[in-house]
């Protein structure tokens, strides 16, 4: 006669997470909160490259650049900075940026963030192993924990569910190989101890545009090489046009429809050779030509996990792969590479694996931001999709120049744009171009998420005067007559 095992002696569900970036961190935390036995394997540090070498340090650098720009723009508001000589004569001081100190601070903040996340996981009961992990089938990780190149020490982690969140790395071109000193990826920028005399940025996507904007504000001469007709291809055309106009007005050289065939170091500088034979000379070059997922050589295909041609892991809307016990989150998956999506994927994967209630990820509701000066924030359907007939909607654009708070703050560039479903007036998307657009997009994102109409959005009381007042003003202008 078999004796039933009491509930309290049933084995806990085991979850193994490979990679401690935003997706892996959230997966591990969610698993521990739901009572699972969780092990996280991470080779560099909790937070992964997003915290240690990408999002946290880059946005900290951009915050410093914003402060530098604010000092320069203060003159437009009637604020002047002067110091006096020994003779009492007033002179205007130079704004100097100590890039070495800036980089030390941002790397310190990245380490602090990593340690805070690690503490949260330990407090929740997550076991953390530092090492290189690979899949040994769909239910096991083999982790090399030894030191040096041989790595002869191994740890085996068995699990009912695996969550792969190994992130991505900067794409390297054969004719423009980074050397870590003059030719750089965005992970290598933080070793520069002085503001570059002339930074050449190859690539005008999000990463290239953000760093080009930041280094120009820090005082570097910047040349942005774009293979497309306009910077930020794929983004809202009006927003990209504003950013490019600002770039040029601030003294940046933007080379449109130009392709860098080769970048090489010459002495204490670099030379980028374009496809038409032109040579651009600078002191440094940032290669911002995309990224590749860190999925090679970690046993995914051997475990039966399907990959795309680019090496990304195919996942469905609950982050599940082609193997039922394996999930994937973050830049290594074939969803949009955003930290917010990675975090949501990590939580969703664990909720689904453990049978908790789950809402499949709806990319249409995801807000994103580009941290240029000014910022660009978007959510929902795009204007191009509406114009192409993919979505049925009306479009209204309100320049920030008409906003009273923007006038007070000396803001000259930017707008709020709303998209509403034709007939019903339901908000289906929007674009904000403004300082701190990342904060202003939230009410539009809430409207998209909860299917509010423009009339419902307009009935919310915005502060007067405020930049957010442009959102309710735009919604009011789209009033649907009942």
Protein backbone atom coordinates (compact mmCIF):
# COMPACT_ATOMS: atom_id res chain seq x y z
CA UNK A 1 0.00 0.00 0.00
CA UNK A 2 1.47 3.35 -1.05
CA UNK A 3 1.42 6.16 1.47
CA UNK A 4 0.70 9.58 -0.10
CA UNK A 5 3.49 12.10 0.39
CA UNK A 6 2.33 15.02 2.55
CA UNK A 7 2.16 18.32 0.66
CA UNK A 8 4.88 19.91 2.75
CA UNK A 9 7.36 17.25 1.59
CA UNK A 10 6.70 17.68 -2.11
CA UNK A 11 9.79 18.76 -4.03
CA UNK A 12 9.99 22.44 -4.90
CA UNK A 13 9.95 23.43 -8.54
CA UNK A 14 13.53 24.07 -9.63
CA UNK A 15 14.31 27.03 -11.88
CA UNK A 16 17.74 27.70 -13.37
CA UNK A 17 18.41 31.09 -14.94
CA UNK A 18 21.33 31.59 -17.30
CA UNK A 19 22.28 35.28 -17.36
CA UNK A 20 21.65 37.91 -14.72
CA UNK A 21 20.57 40.90 -16.82
CA UNK A 22 17.14 42.54 -16.46
CA UNK A 23 15.35 39.46 -17.80
CA UNK A 24 17.29 36.94 -15.74
CA UNK A 25 17.12 39.04 -12.59
CA UNK A 26 13.35 39.43 -12.79
CA UNK A 27 12.90 35.73 -13.60
CA UNK A 28 14.96 34.71 -10.58
CA UNK A 29 13.19 37.15 -8.28
CA UNK A 30 9.74 36.10 -9.47
CA UNK A 31 10.59 32.42 -9.06
CA UNK A 32 11.81 32.92 -5.51
CA UNK A 33 8.74 34.96 -4.62
CA UNK A 34 6.54 32.10 -5.86
CA UNK A 35 8.40 29.57 -3.70
CA UNK A 36 10.60 27.89 -6.30
CA UNK A 37 14.16 26.72 -5.77
CA UNK A 38 16.06 29.21 -7.98
CA UNK A 39 19.67 29.21 -9.18
CA UNK A 40 21.07 32.12 -11.20
CA UNK A 41 24.24 31.68 -13.26
CA UNK A 42 26.01 34.89 -14.31
CA UNK A 43 29.55 35.33 -15.60
CA UNK A 44 30.16 39.05 -14.94
CA UNK A 45 27.80 40.32 -12.25
CA UNK A 46 24.12 40.58 -11.45
CA UNK A 47 22.52 43.05 -13.82
CA UNK A 48 24.61 41.79 -16.72
CA UNK A 49 25.86 44.11 -19.43
CA UNK A 50 22.69 46.24 -19.19
CA UNK A 51 23.75 47.41 -15.74
CA UNK A 52 27.53 47.09 -15.91
CA UNK A 53 28.42 48.30 -19.41
CA UNK A 54 25.32 49.44 -21.26
CA UNK A 55 22.10 51.05 -20.01
CA UNK A 56 23.14 52.29 -16.56
CA UNK A 57 26.54 53.79 -17.51
CA UNK A 58 25.35 55.19 -20.85
CA UNK A 59 22.32 56.94 -19.35
CA UNK A 60 24.49 58.27 -16.51
CA UNK A 61 26.86 59.75 -19.10
CA UNK A 62 23.87 61.25 -20.90
CA UNK A 63 22.64 62.78 -17.63
CA UNK A 64 26.01 64.52 -17.29
CA UNK A 65 25.73 65.73 -20.89
CA UNK A 66 22.25 67.10 -20.12
CA UNK A 67 23.67 69.07 -17.19
CA UNK A 68 26.38 70.50 -19.40
CA UNK A 69 23.78 71.62 -21.95
CA UNK A 70 21.65 73.19 -19.20
CA UNK A 71 24.56 75.39 -18.16
CA UNK A 72 25.03 76.55 -21.74
CA UNK A 73 21.31 77.15 -22.26
CA UNK A 74 20.95 79.18 -19.05
CA UNK A 75 22.03 82.33 -20.88
CA UNK A 76 18.80 82.23 -22.88
CA UNK A 77 16.91 82.49 -19.58
CA UNK A 78 18.86 85.54 -18.45
CA UNK A 79 21.37 83.65 -16.26
CA UNK A 80 25.04 84.56 -16.73
CA UNK A 81 28.05 82.91 -15.14
CA UNK A 82 30.99 85.16 -14.34
CA UNK A 83 34.09 85.13 -12.22
CA UNK A 84 36.42 88.02 -11.46
CA UNK A 85 40.09 88.58 -12.04
CA UNK A 86 42.40 89.98 -9.34
CA UNK A 87 41.70 93.39 -10.81
CA UNK A 88 37.95 92.90 -10.33
CA UNK A 89 37.16 92.53 -14.02
CA UNK A 90 34.28 90.13 -14.77
CA UNK A 91 35.09 87.28 -17.16
CA UNK A 92 33.02 84.32 -18.28
CA UNK A 93 34.50 80.98 -17.15
CA UNK A 94 34.69 77.95 -19.41
CA UNK A 95 32.50 74.93 -18.70
CA UNK A 96 34.94 72.05 -18.26
CA UNK A 97 34.06 68.35 -18.18
CA UNK A 98 36.32 66.00 -16.22
CA UNK A 99 35.53 62.88 -18.23
CA UNK A 100 37.76 60.68 -16.09
CA UNK A 101 35.74 61.67 -13.01
CA UNK A 102 32.49 61.24 -14.95
CA UNK A 103 33.48 57.72 -16.00
CA UNK A 104 34.59 56.76 -12.49
CA UNK A 105 31.23 57.93 -11.15
CA UNK A 106 29.13 56.10 -13.73
CA UNK A 107 31.07 52.86 -13.29
CA UNK A 108 30.70 53.19 -9.52
CA UNK A 109 26.94 53.66 -9.92
CA UNK A 110 26.80 50.61 -12.19
CA UNK A 111 28.62 48.50 -9.58
CA UNK A 112 26.33 49.81 -6.85
CA UNK A 113 23.26 48.92 -8.90
CA UNK A 114 24.66 45.45 -9.53
CA UNK A 115 25.35 44.91 -5.82
CA UNK A 116 21.86 46.17 -4.89
CA UNK A 117 20.30 43.68 -7.31
CA UNK A 118 22.50 40.89 -6.00
CA UNK A 119 21.45 41.68 -2.42
CA UNK A 120 17.79 41.56 -3.44
CA UNK A 121 18.25 38.11 -4.95
CA UNK A 122 20.15 36.76 -1.95
CA UNK A 123 17.51 38.17 0.40
CA UNK A 124 14.83 36.40 -1.68
CA UNK A 125 16.71 33.09 -1.36
CA UNK A 126 18.22 32.82 -4.85
CA UNK A 127 21.42 30.81 -5.19
CA UNK A 128 23.95 32.71 -7.34
CA UNK A 129 26.80 31.00 -9.18
CA UNK A 130 29.44 33.08 -10.97
CA UNK A 131 30.70 31.30 -14.05
CA UNK A 132 30.17 30.38 -17.69
CA UNK A 133 27.04 28.30 -18.26
CA UNK A 134 25.80 26.12 -21.10
CA UNK A 135 22.79 23.89 -21.59
CA UNK A 136 23.24 20.14 -21.24
CA UNK A 137 19.81 19.32 -22.59
CA UNK A 138 16.54 21.10 -21.69
CA UNK A 139 16.79 20.49 -17.92
CA UNK A 140 20.41 20.99 -16.99
CA UNK A 141 23.08 23.68 -16.93
CA UNK A 142 26.78 22.90 -16.80
CA UNK A 143 28.68 25.80 -15.24
CA UNK A 144 32.44 26.29 -15.45
CA UNK A 145 33.50 28.10 -12.30
CA UNK A 146 37.28 27.72 -12.42
CA UNK A 147 39.75 30.54 -12.85
CA UNK A 148 41.72 31.37 -15.97
CA UNK A 149 41.52 29.98 -19.47
CA UNK A 150 41.29 26.28 -18.57
CA UNK A 151 38.27 26.49 -16.25
CA UNK A 152 38.50 22.92 -14.97
CA UNK A 153 35.98 23.31 -12.12
CA UNK A 154 32.37 22.58 -13.04
CA UNK A 155 29.03 22.83 -11.32
CA UNK A 156 25.90 21.01 -12.49
CA UNK A 157 22.51 22.62 -12.06
CA UNK A 158 19.40 20.51 -12.70
CA UNK A 159 16.07 22.26 -13.15
CA UNK A 160 12.47 21.76 -14.18
CA UNK A 161 12.54 25.09 -16.03
CA UNK A 162 15.42 26.93 -17.69
CA UNK A 163 15.32 30.65 -18.44
CA UNK A 164 17.99 31.83 -20.88
CA UNK A 165 18.83 35.53 -20.65
CA UNK A 166 22.35 35.84 -22.00
CA UNK A 167 21.99 39.24 -23.70
CA UNK A 168 23.94 40.49 -26.68
CA UNK A 169 27.29 42.04 -27.59
CA UNK A 170 28.31 44.86 -29.95
CA UNK A 171 28.59 43.81 -33.57
CA UNK A 172 32.18 43.90 -34.83
CA UNK A 173 32.94 44.55 -38.51
CA UNK A 174 36.04 42.92 -40.04
CA UNK A 175 37.28 46.23 -41.50
CA UNK A 176 36.74 48.22 -38.31
CA UNK A 177 37.93 46.10 -35.42
CA UNK A 178 37.88 47.86 -32.03
CA UNK A 179 41.20 48.23 -30.23
CA UNK A 180 39.75 49.59 -26.98
CA UNK A 181 41.74 52.83 -27.26
CA UNK A 182 40.81 54.71 -30.44
CA UNK A 183 38.31 52.43 -32.19
CA UNK A 184 35.66 51.59 -29.63
CA UNK A 185 32.41 49.77 -28.99
CA UNK A 186 29.92 51.30 -26.57
CA UNK A 187 31.23 48.95 -23.87
CA UNK A 188 34.73 50.45 -24.18
CA UNK A 189 33.89 54.15 -23.99
CA UNK A 190 34.31 54.41 -20.25
CA UNK A 191 38.08 54.03 -20.33
CA UNK A 192 38.54 57.40 -22.04
CA UNK A 193 39.93 59.89 -19.53
CA UNK A 194 39.47 63.06 -21.60
CA UNK A 195 36.68 64.37 -23.80
CA UNK A 196 37.61 63.25 -27.35
CA UNK A 197 38.80 66.02 -29.61
CA UNK A 198 36.81 64.59 -32.53
CA UNK A 199 34.54 61.57 -32.13
CA UNK A 200 33.47 59.79 -35.31
CA UNK A 201 30.28 57.79 -34.75
CA UNK A 202 29.52 55.06 -37.28
CA UNK A 203 25.84 54.19 -37.20
CA UNK A 204 22.86 56.50 -36.72
CA UNK A 205 20.51 54.12 -34.93
CA UNK A 206 19.51 54.58 -31.30
CA UNK A 207 22.96 53.87 -29.81
CA UNK A 208 24.83 56.00 -32.32
CA UNK A 209 22.42 58.92 -32.02
CA UNK A 210 22.46 58.86 -28.21
CA UNK A 211 26.24 58.87 -27.90
CA UNK A 212 26.68 61.40 -30.71
CA UNK A 213 24.27 63.72 -28.88
CA UNK A 214 26.01 63.17 -25.53
CA UNK A 215 29.59 63.69 -26.71
CA UNK A 216 28.65 66.81 -28.65
CA UNK A 217 27.09 68.22 -25.46
CA UNK A 218 30.25 67.31 -23.54
CA UNK A 219 32.27 69.44 -25.93
CA UNK A 220 33.64 66.98 -28.49
CA UNK A 221 33.57 67.66 -32.20
CA UNK A 222 31.32 64.91 -33.60
CA UNK A 223 30.84 63.46 -37.06
CA UNK A 224 27.92 61.07 -37.41
CA UNK A 225 28.11 58.69 -40.37
CA UNK A 226 24.66 57.49 -41.40
CA UNK A 227 24.01 55.01 -44.19
CA UNK A 228 20.40 56.22 -44.43
CA UNK A 229 18.88 59.49 -45.63
CA UNK A 230 17.93 60.46 -42.08
CA UNK A 231 19.20 59.64 -38.61
CA UNK A 232 17.20 57.15 -36.53
CA UNK A 233 15.78 55.13 -39.42
CA UNK A 234 12.62 53.31 -38.45
CA UNK A 235 11.59 55.93 -35.89
CA UNK A 236 8.86 58.52 -36.32
CA UNK A 237 9.95 60.62 -39.31
CA UNK A 238 8.95 63.96 -37.72
CA UNK A 239 10.86 63.08 -34.54
CA UNK A 240 13.97 62.02 -36.45
CA UNK A 241 13.83 65.27 -38.44
CA UNK A 242 13.76 67.35 -35.24
CA UNK A 243 16.73 65.45 -33.79
CA UNK A 244 18.78 65.81 -36.97
CA UNK A 245 18.01 69.54 -37.14
CA UNK A 246 19.13 69.93 -33.51
CA UNK A 247 22.29 67.93 -34.20
CA UNK A 248 23.26 70.17 -37.11
CA UNK A 249 22.35 73.38 -35.26
CA UNK A 250 24.58 72.31 -32.36
CA UNK A 251 27.54 71.93 -34.69
CA UNK A 252 27.48 68.19 -35.37
CA UNK A 253 28.45 67.06 -38.85
CA UNK A 254 25.90 64.53 -40.11
CA UNK A 255 26.94 62.59 -43.21
CA UNK A 256 23.73 61.11 -44.63
CA UNK A 257 23.59 58.25 -47.18
CA UNK A 258 27.24 57.54 -46.39
CA UNK A 259 28.72 54.16 -45.58
CA UNK A 260 31.96 53.53 -43.72
CA UNK A 261 33.86 50.84 -45.62
CA UNK A 262 36.84 50.81 -43.29
CA UNK A 263 38.00 52.35 -40.01
CA UNK A 264 41.66 52.16 -39.07
CA UNK A 265 43.99 53.66 -36.53
CA UNK A 266 46.66 56.02 -37.73
CA UNK A 267 49.03 57.24 -35.06
CA UNK A 268 47.09 59.02 -32.34
CA UNK A 269 43.92 59.17 -34.38
CA UNK A 270 41.56 57.25 -36.61
CA UNK A 271 40.50 57.44 -40.23
CA UNK A 272 37.12 56.31 -41.52
CA UNK A 273 37.08 55.63 -45.25
CA UNK A 274 33.66 55.99 -46.87
CA UNK A 275 32.38 53.94 -49.79
CA UNK A 276 32.80 56.96 -52.11
CA UNK A 277 36.48 57.24 -51.19
CA UNK A 278 36.23 60.17 -48.77
CA UNK A 279 38.31 59.96 -45.61
CA UNK A 280 37.11 61.32 -42.27
CA UNK A 281 39.83 61.92 -39.71
CA UNK A 282 39.17 62.00 -35.98
CA UNK A 283 40.71 61.28 -32.61
CA UNK A 284 38.32 58.41 -31.75
CA UNK A 285 35.67 56.31 -33.45
CA UNK A 286 32.62 54.69 -31.90
CA UNK A 287 31.27 51.71 -33.82
CA UNK A 288 27.51 51.60 -33.25
CA UNK A 289 26.46 49.13 -35.93
CA UNK A 290 24.12 46.92 -33.97
CA UNK A 291 24.54 43.91 -31.75
CA UNK A 292 24.61 40.11 -31.93
CA UNK A 293 22.98 37.74 -29.42
CA UNK A 294 25.27 35.78 -27.09
CA UNK A 295 23.69 32.48 -28.09
CA UNK A 296 26.57 30.74 -29.88
CA UNK A 297 28.23 27.79 -28.17
CA UNK A 298 25.93 27.49 -25.16
CA UNK A 299 24.12 24.30 -26.20
CA UNK A 300 20.84 25.78 -27.37
CA UNK A 301 20.57 24.02 -30.71
CA UNK A 302 21.74 20.73 -29.20
CA UNK A 303 18.89 21.04 -26.68
CA UNK A 304 16.40 21.53 -29.50
CA UNK A 305 15.88 25.29 -29.07
CA UNK A 306 15.07 27.00 -32.36
CA UNK A 307 17.08 30.08 -33.38
CA UNK A 308 16.50 32.68 -36.08
CA UNK A 309 19.00 33.21 -38.89
CA UNK A 310 20.52 36.03 -36.83
CA UNK A 311 21.04 33.71 -33.87
CA UNK A 312 18.20 35.04 -31.73
CA UNK A 313 16.04 32.61 -29.77
CA UNK A 314 12.50 32.21 -31.10
CA UNK A 315 9.95 32.84 -28.35
CA UNK A 316 6.18 33.20 -28.14
CA UNK A 317 4.24 35.83 -26.21
CA UNK A 318 4.91 34.14 -22.86
CA UNK A 319 8.68 33.92 -23.61
CA UNK A 320 8.57 30.15 -24.22
CA UNK A 321 10.92 28.61 -26.77
CA UNK A 322 10.36 25.61 -29.04
CA UNK A 323 11.32 23.42 -26.05
CA UNK A 324 8.53 23.50 -23.41
CA UNK A 325 10.90 23.56 -20.42
CA UNK A 326 13.08 26.36 -21.83
CA UNK A 327 12.18 30.06 -21.87
CA UNK A 328 14.20 33.05 -23.07
CA UNK A 329 14.21 36.74 -22.13
CA UNK A 330 15.97 39.88 -23.25
CA UNK A 331 18.22 40.79 -26.16
CA UNK A 332 19.03 37.14 -26.93
CA UNK A 333 15.37 36.55 -27.85
CA UNK A 334 13.67 37.69 -31.05
CA UNK A 335 11.56 40.39 -29.40
CA UNK A 336 12.41 44.10 -29.28
CA UNK A 337 15.71 44.66 -27.40
CA UNK A 338 14.51 46.82 -24.51
CA UNK A 339 15.34 46.37 -20.81
CA UNK A 340 11.67 46.85 -19.93
CA UNK A 341 10.66 44.04 -22.29
CA UNK A 342 13.42 41.80 -20.94
CA UNK A 343 12.14 42.31 -17.40
CA UNK A 344 8.56 41.59 -18.43
CA UNK A 345 9.66 38.47 -20.34
CA UNK A 346 11.53 37.19 -17.30
CA UNK A 347 8.53 37.58 -15.02
CA UNK A 348 6.10 36.23 -17.62
CA UNK A 349 8.25 33.16 -18.26
CA UNK A 350 8.32 32.18 -14.59
CA UNK A 351 4.65 32.94 -14.00
CA UNK A 352 3.75 30.72 -16.96
CA UNK A 353 6.12 27.93 -15.98
CA UNK A 354 4.76 27.80 -12.42
CA UNK A 355 1.12 28.00 -13.49
CA UNK A 356 0.47 31.49 -12.15
CA UNK A 357 -1.83 33.95 -13.93
CA UNK A 358 -0.07 35.53 -16.87
CA UNK A 359 -0.81 38.24 -19.42
CA UNK A 360 0.93 37.56 -22.76
CA UNK A 361 3.27 40.38 -23.79
CA UNK A 362 1.62 42.90 -26.12
CA UNK A 363 4.37 44.74 -27.96
CA UNK A 364 1.88 47.36 -29.11
CA UNK A 365 1.62 48.63 -25.52
CA UNK A 366 5.36 48.93 -24.88
CA UNK A 367 6.69 52.47 -24.46
CA UNK A 368 10.26 53.14 -25.59
CA UNK A 369 12.61 56.10 -25.40
CA UNK A 370 15.67 57.45 -27.18
CA UNK A 371 17.87 59.51 -24.84
CA UNK A 372 19.04 62.17 -27.25
CA UNK A 373 18.66 65.91 -26.59
CA UNK A 374 15.68 66.29 -26.81
CA UNK A 375 14.42 62.77 -26.09
CA UNK A 376 12.03 60.78 -28.29
CA UNK A 377 9.39 58.59 -26.63
CA UNK A 378 6.91 56.41 -28.50
CA UNK A 379 4.14 53.93 -27.77
CA UNK A 380 1.55 52.04 -29.80
CA UNK A 381 0.95 52.20 -33.53
CA UNK A 382 3.17 54.48 -35.61
CA UNK A 383 2.21 57.17 -38.11
CA UNK A 384 3.76 55.14 -40.91
CA UNK A 385 1.58 52.15 -40.06
CA UNK A 386 -1.49 54.38 -40.15
CA UNK A 387 -0.44 55.94 -43.47
CA UNK A 388 0.25 52.47 -44.90
CA UNK A 389 -3.21 51.28 -43.88
CA UNK A 390 -2.00 48.75 -41.30
CA UNK A 391 -4.02 50.60 -38.66
CA UNK A 392 -7.00 52.93 -39.05
CA UNK A 393 -6.37 56.16 -37.19
CA UNK A 394 -6.41 59.94 -37.08
CA UNK A 395 -3.25 61.94 -36.37
CA UNK A 396 -2.82 65.18 -34.45
CA UNK A 397 0.47 66.93 -33.81
CA UNK A 398 0.94 69.81 -31.36
CA UNK A 399 4.29 71.66 -31.36
CA UNK A 400 5.77 72.31 -27.92
CA UNK A 401 6.48 75.88 -29.00
CA UNK A 402 2.82 76.64 -28.22
CA UNK A 403 3.08 75.26 -24.67
CA UNK A 404 3.40 78.00 -21.98
CA UNK A 405 5.71 75.94 -19.75
CA UNK A 406 7.97 75.19 -22.71
CA UNK A 407 8.23 78.93 -23.39
CA UNK A 408 9.16 79.57 -19.76
CA UNK A 409 11.84 76.88 -19.90
CA UNK A 410 13.26 78.09 -23.21
CA UNK A 411 12.35 74.87 -25.05
CA UNK A 412 12.33 75.46 -28.80
CA UNK A 413 12.15 71.94 -30.23
CA UNK A 414 9.68 69.14 -29.88
CA UNK A 415 6.05 68.15 -30.12
CA UNK A 416 3.31 65.87 -28.85
CA UNK A 417 1.61 63.65 -31.42
CA UNK A 418 -1.45 61.46 -30.74
CA UNK A 419 -2.97 58.68 -32.84
CA UNK A 420 -6.64 57.80 -32.28
CA UNK A 421 -8.80 55.12 -33.84
CA UNK A 422 -10.97 56.58 -36.57
CA UNK A 423 -14.58 56.74 -35.42
CA UNK A 424 -14.20 55.62 -31.80
CA UNK A 425 -11.41 58.01 -30.81
CA UNK A 426 -9.58 55.29 -28.86
CA UNK A 427 -5.94 56.25 -28.32
CA UNK A 428 -3.78 53.78 -30.25
CA UNK A 429 -0.39 55.45 -30.05
CA UNK A 430 1.66 58.57 -29.62
CA UNK A 431 5.03 60.27 -29.91
CA UNK A 432 6.60 62.83 -27.59
CA UNK A 433 9.73 64.79 -28.52
CA UNK A 434 10.80 66.88 -25.53
CA UNK A 435 13.23 67.08 -22.63
CA UNK A 436 12.38 64.10 -20.37
CA UNK A 437 10.00 62.66 -22.95
CA UNK A 438 10.58 59.35 -21.14
CA UNK A 439 8.50 60.76 -18.26
CA UNK A 440 5.85 62.41 -20.45
CA UNK A 441 4.97 59.28 -22.45
CA UNK A 442 3.42 57.49 -19.46
CA UNK A 443 -0.09 59.01 -19.68
CA UNK A 444 -0.25 58.11 -23.37
CA UNK A 445 0.99 54.60 -22.59
CA UNK A 446 -1.73 54.24 -19.95
CA UNK A 447 -4.32 55.41 -22.47
CA UNK A 448 -3.11 52.82 -24.99
CA UNK A 449 -2.98 50.04 -22.39
CA UNK A 450 -6.47 50.71 -21.05
CA UNK A 451 -8.03 51.68 -24.40
CA UNK A 452 -9.01 55.17 -23.28
CA UNK A 453 -10.56 57.55 -25.79
CA UNK A 454 -9.17 60.99 -26.52
CA UNK A 455 -12.15 62.46 -24.66
CA UNK A 456 -11.34 60.40 -21.56
CA UNK A 457 -7.69 61.46 -21.76
CA UNK A 458 -8.72 65.10 -22.20
CA UNK A 459 -10.89 64.98 -19.07
CA UNK A 460 -7.82 64.36 -16.89
CA UNK A 461 -6.67 67.54 -15.13
CA UNK A 462 -3.15 68.49 -16.19
CA UNK A 463 -1.25 71.05 -14.16
CA UNK A 464 -1.10 74.56 -15.61
CA UNK A 465 1.46 75.38 -16.77
CA UNK A 466 3.10 72.03 -17.55
CA UNK A 467 4.59 70.19 -20.50
CA UNK A 468 2.09 67.39 -19.88
CA UNK A 469 -0.63 69.94 -20.63
CA UNK A 470 0.23 69.48 -24.31
CA UNK A 471 -1.01 65.89 -24.05
CA UNK A 472 -4.46 66.89 -22.81
CA UNK A 473 -4.51 69.81 -25.27
CA UNK A 474 -3.82 67.42 -28.15
CA UNK A 475 -6.48 65.01 -26.88
CA UNK A 476 -8.99 67.87 -26.59
CA UNK A 477 -8.28 68.88 -30.18
CA UNK A 478 -9.24 65.35 -31.28
CA UNK A 479 -12.63 65.50 -29.58
CA UNK A 480 -15.13 62.98 -30.94
CA UNK A 481 -18.57 64.49 -31.48
CA UNK A 482 -21.22 62.15 -30.03
